[in-house]
Amino acid sequence: MQFHGWATKNRGMLLPTRAQTAETKHKVAEAAQRLRGILAIDFVPPDYFAEYPKACLGGWGSAGMNVTPEGKVLPCHAAETIPHLQFETVAERPLAEIWYKSAAFHAYRGTDWLPDPCKSCERKEINFGGCRCQALALAGMQVQRIRYVPTLRGGRRLMRCWRRPRLRSKARSPIA
């Protein structure tokens, strides 16, 4: 689950609870099993309750793409939220060339782009630095910079590749 624009400002009102997220994961897993071969379910649980950052669709520009109604080719559905990237259209260049040669698709593909200390992270080939769009939306940081935040989990010290925003506990108007 990702929040953009108005939803980012109001995520405290929109974000499901940890219990709701767990229940939904369970229901989606059951439905995916039941509908295997009939329907592919694309479920993205909120990063807010994750142990580690998730890879962007299995890694930025590595497993899929989106083509907008205008013909713009994106590595993921939210890629246009990253302001410094320019995306080509199928009218300008063949789809295969965009996939293999586009600067936008190469910007965060793989692990070569990762800054230190992320380059030495044992999970870099699993999460590829996490979702760039979500990092920008959650932390309001430049997407190239990843802030490491030390946390304790089960008595072990972990270095987190992202930080959770503070959510307001009191209900507020949904209009920011």
Protein backbone atom coordinates (compact mmCIF):
# COMPACT_ATOMS: atom_id res chain seq x y z
CA MET A 1 0.00 0.00 0.00
CA GLN A 2 1.38 3.35 -0.97
CA PHE A 3 0.10 6.83 -0.32
CA HIS A 4 0.63 9.74 -2.71
CA GLY A 5 -0.49 13.36 -2.71
CA TRP A 6 -3.58 13.96 -0.58
CA ALA A 7 -3.39 10.41 0.80
CA THR A 8 0.16 10.97 2.12
CA LYS A 9 -1.02 13.96 4.13
CA ASN A 10 -3.92 11.94 5.52
CA ARG A 11 -2.35 8.53 5.95
CA GLY A 12 -3.08 8.54 9.69
CA MET A 13 -6.77 8.30 8.82
CA LEU A 14 -6.33 5.89 5.89
CA LEU A 15 -3.75 3.40 7.12
CA PRO A 16 -5.16 0.07 8.31
CA THR A 17 -4.08 -1.22 11.71
CA ARG A 18 -1.47 -3.95 12.11
CA ALA A 19 -4.31 -6.42 12.93
CA GLN A 20 -6.30 -5.40 9.85
CA THR A 21 -3.19 -5.79 7.70
CA ALA A 22 -2.51 -9.29 9.09
CA GLU A 23 -6.12 -10.34 8.51
CA THR A 24 -6.04 -9.02 4.95
CA LYS A 25 -2.76 -10.83 4.22
CA HIS A 26 -4.38 -14.07 5.39
CA LYS A 27 -7.51 -13.54 3.24
CA VAL A 28 -5.44 -12.63 0.17
CA ALA A 29 -3.25 -15.73 0.60
CA GLU A 30 -6.38 -17.92 0.78
CA ALA A 31 -7.89 -16.25 -2.29
CA ALA A 32 -4.61 -16.51 -4.24
CA GLN A 33 -4.48 -20.25 -3.54
CA ARG A 34 -8.14 -20.77 -4.42
CA LEU A 35 -7.88 -18.74 -7.64
CA ARG A 36 -4.45 -19.96 -8.78
CA GLY A 37 -4.42 -20.28 -12.56
CA ILE A 38 -7.57 -18.16 -12.87
CA LEU A 39 -6.62 -14.82 -11.38
CA ALA A 40 -3.31 -13.30 -10.33
CA ILE A 41 -3.69 -11.15 -7.22
CA ASP A 42 -1.28 -8.24 -6.78
CA PHE A 43 -1.43 -7.41 -3.06
CA VAL A 44 0.94 -4.85 -1.57
CA PRO A 45 0.69 -4.68 2.23
CA PRO A 46 1.71 -1.43 3.95
CA ASP A 47 5.44 -0.98 4.44
CA TYR A 48 4.64 0.59 7.80
CA PHE A 49 4.38 -2.85 9.45
CA ALA A 50 7.14 -4.62 7.54
CA GLU A 51 10.31 -5.96 9.11
CA TYR A 52 12.33 -4.76 6.11
CA PRO A 53 11.70 -2.55 3.08
CA LYS A 54 10.13 -4.35 0.11
CA ALA A 55 11.70 -4.41 -3.31
CA CYS A 56 9.89 -2.43 -5.96
CA LEU A 57 7.89 -5.09 -7.82
CA GLY A 58 10.71 -7.59 -7.35
CA GLY A 59 13.32 -4.94 -8.15
CA TRP A 60 12.97 -1.66 -10.06
CA GLY A 61 12.69 -2.32 -13.79
CA SER A 62 13.39 -6.04 -13.47
CA ALA A 63 10.06 -7.85 -13.63
CA GLY A 64 7.40 -5.61 -15.12
CA MET A 65 6.43 -2.27 -16.53
CA ASN A 66 3.41 -0.02 -16.87
CA VAL A 67 2.38 1.87 -19.97
CA THR A 68 0.21 4.91 -19.30
CA PRO A 69 -2.69 5.89 -21.58
CA GLU A 70 -0.32 8.51 -23.07
CA GLY A 71 2.18 5.77 -23.93
CA LYS A 72 4.68 6.66 -21.23
CA VAL A 73 6.59 3.56 -20.05
CA LEU A 74 7.17 3.28 -16.30
CA PRO A 75 9.12 0.75 -14.21
CA CYS A 76 6.25 0.82 -11.69
CA HIS A 77 2.84 2.43 -11.26
CA ALA A 78 4.14 5.24 -9.02
CA ALA A 79 7.43 6.01 -10.78
CA GLU A 80 6.20 9.39 -12.01
CA THR A 81 6.27 10.62 -8.39
CA ILE A 82 10.09 10.74 -8.60
CA PRO A 83 10.58 14.23 -9.99
CA HIS A 84 14.10 13.90 -11.44
CA LEU A 85 13.27 10.98 -13.75
CA GLN A 86 12.12 11.40 -17.35
CA PHE A 87 10.08 8.59 -18.92
CA GLU A 88 10.01 7.81 -22.63
CA THR A 89 6.92 6.89 -24.62
CA VAL A 90 6.30 4.04 -27.03
CA ALA A 91 5.77 6.70 -29.72
CA GLU A 92 9.37 7.91 -29.21
CA ARG A 93 11.15 4.59 -28.88
CA PRO A 94 10.38 0.87 -29.21
CA LEU A 95 9.30 -0.82 -25.99
CA ALA A 96 12.28 -3.20 -25.96
CA GLU A 97 14.72 -0.28 -26.24
CA ILE A 98 13.03 1.53 -23.36
CA TRP A 99 13.22 -1.63 -21.23
CA TYR A 100 16.90 -2.31 -21.94
CA LYS A 101 18.36 1.18 -22.54
CA SER A 102 16.20 3.81 -20.83
CA ALA A 103 17.95 5.92 -18.19
CA ALA A 104 14.80 5.82 -16.03
CA PHE A 105 14.73 2.01 -16.05
CA HIS A 106 18.44 1.88 -15.18
CA ALA A 107 18.25 4.54 -12.44
CA TYR A 108 17.48 2.02 -9.65
CA ARG A 109 17.75 -1.33 -11.43
CA GLY A 110 19.96 -3.82 -9.62
CA THR A 111 22.27 -2.76 -6.81
CA ASP A 112 25.01 -0.66 -8.46
CA TRP A 113 23.12 2.57 -7.65
CA LEU A 114 23.03 1.84 -3.89
CA PRO A 115 24.93 4.28 -1.66
CA ASP A 116 27.05 3.19 1.30
CA PRO A 117 26.29 1.54 3.72
CA CYS A 118 23.53 -0.08 1.64
CA LYS A 119 26.07 -1.57 -0.79
CA SER A 120 27.30 -3.90 1.94
CA CYS A 121 23.83 -4.85 3.28
CA GLU A 122 23.18 -8.60 3.39
CA ARG A 123 19.65 -7.97 2.04
CA LYS A 124 20.63 -5.87 -0.98
CA GLU A 125 19.89 -8.70 -3.44
CA ILE A 126 16.51 -9.25 -1.75
CA ASN A 127 15.10 -5.73 -1.49
CA PHE A 128 17.39 -3.81 -3.88
CA GLY A 129 17.28 -0.80 -1.56
CA GLY A 130 13.49 -0.87 -1.23
CA CYS A 131 10.83 0.98 -3.15
CA ARG A 132 12.14 4.37 -4.28
CA CYS A 133 8.68 5.88 -4.64
CA GLN A 134 7.71 4.79 -1.14
CA ALA A 135 11.00 6.09 0.31
CA LEU A 136 10.25 9.49 -1.17
CA ALA A 137 6.61 9.46 -0.04
CA LEU A 138 7.29 8.19 3.49
CA ALA A 139 10.44 9.99 4.44
CA GLY A 140 10.25 13.05 2.22
CA MET A 141 13.90 12.55 1.37
CA GLN A 142 15.81 12.66 -1.83
CA VAL A 143 15.43 9.20 -3.28
CA GLN A 144 19.16 8.66 -3.69
CA ARG A 145 19.79 9.14 0.02
CA ILE A 146 18.76 6.37 2.37
CA ARG A 147 18.81 7.16 6.05
CA TYR A 148 19.78 4.27 8.27
CA VAL A 149 17.90 4.18 11.56
CA PRO A 150 19.10 1.78 14.28
CA THR A 151 16.28 -0.18 15.92
CA LEU A 152 15.99 -3.08 18.32
CA ARG A 153 13.99 -6.11 17.28
CA GLY A 154 13.96 -9.18 19.46
CA GLY A 155 17.07 -7.95 21.28
CA ARG A 156 19.05 -7.68 18.02
CA ARG A 157 20.27 -4.37 16.67
CA LEU A 158 19.18 -3.86 13.07
CA MET A 159 19.91 -1.07 10.64
CA ARG A 160 16.70 0.00 8.95
CA CYS A 161 16.81 1.33 5.41
CA TRP A 162 13.80 3.58 6.00
CA ARG A 163 11.93 5.24 8.80
CA ARG A 164 8.29 5.05 9.68
CA PRO A 165 6.44 8.33 9.81
CA ARG A 166 4.76 9.28 13.05
CA LEU A 167 1.05 8.69 12.78
CA ARG A 168 -1.39 10.77 14.72
CA SER A 169 -3.34 8.70 17.20
CA LYS A 170 -6.35 11.00 17.33
CA ALA A 171 -8.77 11.09 14.45
CA ARG A 172 -8.56 14.23 12.38
CA SER A 173 -10.50 15.63 9.53
CA PRO A 174 -9.63 13.80 6.30
CA ILE A 175 -9.09 17.17 4.63
CA ALA A 176 -5.50 18.30 5.11
